[in-house]
Amino acid sequence: MRKDFLLIADAVEVANGKLYVLGGGWDLFHAPVYPTIARIGLAVGIIFEALELDRLHRVHINISEVGGHDLLPPIEVEFRPQPRTISTETVRGIIGLNPSLQIPGAGLYEVKARIGEWQQTQQFHAVLIDQRNRGAENVSGVPTKE
């Protein structure tokens, strides 16, 4: 097997071998106050060789502060990539998750995905929104008058 991708997004869904992504590829998370609860999307893509198909694989995912504690208990996902109906040398396996997590404060965080010897890491920065320089926003995102 070999790595393909690890993507951070607003939300992800995997259906019929396709990955659907909403707001993908970000590395900056904004919040007006910390700690805050965030729901994020994570997508992991792995390329499997023919001999690795139709057997159980485990993907381990950790979300943590860089050099600090985990934001969630480690996530373990089991899946079994299936051979295709047509003959191909490789098959892409895709996993999509949408965990909610508490981000304790502004800082640098990382998502790590590991399967076997393969590991990939993506980092993101959590930053504090300065409401004084932006103006207040209501739930709809439209600026309000002060």
Protein backbone atom coordinates (compact mmCIF):
# COMPACT_ATOMS: atom_id res chain seq x y z
CA MET A 1 0.00 0.00 0.00
CA ARG A 2 1.01 3.59 -0.41
CA LYS A 3 -0.30 6.90 0.80
CA ASP A 4 -2.57 8.93 -1.38
CA PHE A 5 -3.99 11.79 0.70
CA LEU A 6 -5.05 13.14 4.07
CA LEU A 7 -7.47 16.05 3.79
CA ILE A 8 -8.97 18.38 6.41
CA ALA A 9 -12.33 19.88 5.44
CA ASP A 10 -15.54 21.33 6.81
CA ALA A 11 -17.33 18.04 6.01
CA VAL A 12 -16.74 14.89 3.95
CA GLU A 13 -18.79 11.95 2.74
CA VAL A 14 -17.78 8.78 0.94
CA ALA A 15 -20.39 7.11 -1.26
CA ASN A 16 -20.02 4.62 -4.11
CA GLY A 17 -16.24 4.98 -4.15
CA LYS A 18 -16.36 8.77 -4.45
CA LEU A 19 -15.30 11.42 -1.95
CA TYR A 20 -17.59 14.41 -1.55
CA VAL A 21 -15.92 17.39 0.14
CA LEU A 22 -17.34 20.62 1.54
CA GLY A 23 -14.78 23.33 2.27
CA GLY A 24 -11.71 21.11 1.85
CA GLY A 25 -8.00 21.73 2.10
CA TRP A 26 -7.94 24.34 4.84
CA ASP A 27 -5.18 24.81 7.38
CA LEU A 28 -6.56 27.80 9.32
CA PHE A 29 -9.42 27.52 11.82
CA HIS A 30 -11.04 30.74 13.09
CA ALA A 31 -13.08 31.16 16.28
CA PRO A 32 -14.13 34.22 18.27
CA VAL A 33 -13.53 32.48 21.61
CA TYR A 34 -11.65 29.44 22.93
CA PRO A 35 -12.19 26.77 24.02
CA THR A 36 -14.64 26.00 21.21
CA ILE A 37 -16.32 22.95 19.73
CA ALA A 38 -15.52 22.29 16.07
CA ARG A 39 -16.88 19.70 13.68
CA ILE A 40 -14.36 18.92 11.00
CA GLY A 41 -14.19 16.54 8.07
CA LEU A 42 -11.25 14.17 7.57
CA ALA A 43 -10.64 12.13 4.44
CA VAL A 44 -7.92 9.49 4.08
CA GLY A 45 -7.03 7.93 0.74
CA ILE A 46 -4.79 4.87 0.42
CA ILE A 47 -3.72 2.97 -2.69
CA PHE A 48 -3.80 -0.82 -2.28
CA GLU A 49 -2.03 -3.36 -4.45
CA ALA A 50 -4.01 -6.36 -5.67
CA LEU A 51 -2.55 -8.69 -3.01
CA GLU A 52 -3.72 -6.34 -0.23
CA LEU A 53 -7.40 -6.43 -1.24
CA ASP A 54 -10.23 -8.30 0.46
CA ARG A 55 -8.55 -8.36 3.86
CA LEU A 56 -9.06 -6.26 6.95
CA HIS A 57 -6.98 -3.09 7.40
CA ARG A 58 -6.96 -0.68 10.35
CA VAL A 59 -6.48 3.05 10.03
CA HIS A 60 -5.47 4.93 13.19
CA ILE A 61 -6.23 8.65 13.40
CA ASN A 62 -5.05 11.07 16.09
CA ILE A 63 -5.89 14.76 16.44
CA SER A 64 -3.68 16.62 18.89
CA GLU A 65 -1.93 19.80 19.83
CA VAL A 66 1.55 19.78 18.29
CA GLY A 67 3.74 18.45 21.09
CA GLY A 68 0.73 18.26 23.39
CA HIS A 69 -2.27 16.19 24.35
CA ASP A 70 -4.87 14.51 22.14
CA LEU A 71 -8.08 16.43 21.44
CA LEU A 72 -9.98 13.14 21.07
CA PRO A 73 -9.31 9.56 22.03
CA PRO A 74 -7.48 7.86 19.13
CA ILE A 75 -9.86 6.85 16.33
CA GLU A 76 -9.52 3.40 14.78
CA VAL A 77 -11.38 2.53 11.59
CA GLU A 78 -11.45 -0.98 10.14
CA PHE A 79 -12.20 -1.53 6.47
CA ARG A 80 -11.77 -4.14 3.75
CA PRO A 81 -10.98 -2.79 0.27
CA GLN A 82 -12.72 -4.89 -2.37
CA PRO A 83 -11.41 -5.97 -5.75
CA ARG A 84 -13.03 -4.28 -8.72
CA THR A 85 -15.12 -6.06 -11.27
CA ILE A 86 -12.54 -5.10 -13.90
CA SER A 87 -8.89 -6.07 -13.60
CA THR A 88 -6.71 -3.27 -12.20
CA GLU A 89 -3.33 -3.32 -10.49
CA THR A 90 -4.39 -1.00 -7.67
CA VAL A 91 -7.52 0.12 -5.82
CA ARG A 92 -7.98 3.36 -3.91
CA GLY A 93 -9.57 3.02 -0.47
CA ILE A 94 -11.20 6.15 0.95
CA ILE A 95 -12.32 6.80 4.52
CA GLY A 96 -14.37 9.83 5.54
CA LEU A 97 -15.00 10.98 9.12
CA ASN A 98 -16.72 14.02 10.61
CA PRO A 99 -15.66 14.19 14.28
CA SER A 100 -16.60 16.93 16.72
CA LEU A 101 -13.76 18.06 18.93
CA GLN A 102 -12.97 20.69 21.49
CA ILE A 103 -10.18 23.04 20.48
CA PRO A 104 -8.78 24.41 23.75
CA GLY A 105 -7.11 27.54 22.41
CA ALA A 106 -5.31 29.29 19.61
CA GLY A 107 -2.28 27.32 18.49
CA LEU A 108 -0.93 24.65 16.17
CA TYR A 109 -2.70 21.30 15.86
CA GLU A 110 -2.12 18.18 13.79
CA VAL A 111 -4.05 15.29 12.34
CA LYS A 112 -2.12 12.03 11.91
CA ALA A 113 -3.36 9.04 9.93
CA ARG A 114 -1.50 5.73 10.12
CA ILE A 115 -2.05 2.40 8.45
CA GLY A 116 0.70 -0.18 8.72
CA GLU A 117 4.04 1.54 8.11
CA TRP A 118 2.44 4.47 6.32
CA GLN A 119 1.76 7.69 8.20
CA GLN A 120 0.74 11.13 7.01
CA THR A 121 0.32 14.35 8.99
CA GLN A 122 -1.58 17.55 8.24
CA GLN A 123 -1.35 20.58 10.49
CA PHE A 124 -3.76 23.45 11.07
CA HIS A 125 -3.57 26.70 13.00
CA ALA A 126 -6.38 27.78 15.31
CA VAL A 127 -6.56 31.56 15.48
CA LEU A 128 -8.65 34.00 17.48
CA ILE A 129 -10.91 36.32 15.48
CA ASP A 130 -10.49 39.93 16.56
CA GLN A 131 -14.11 41.10 16.68
CA ARG A 132 -13.09 44.74 17.24
CA ASN A 133 -11.53 44.99 13.79
CA ARG A 134 -14.12 42.91 11.94
CA GLY A 135 -17.42 44.15 13.30
CA ALA A 136 -19.93 41.92 15.02
CA GLU A 137 -21.54 39.19 12.95
CA ASN A 138 -24.86 37.53 13.55
CA VAL A 139 -25.56 33.84 12.95
CA SER A 140 -26.23 34.41 9.24
CA GLY A 141 -22.74 35.88 8.77
CA VAL A 142 -24.14 39.26 7.69
CA PRO A 143 -22.52 42.20 9.56
CA THR A 144 -24.81 43.92 12.04
CA LYS A 145 -24.89 47.59 12.98
CA GLU A 146 -23.36 48.46 16.34
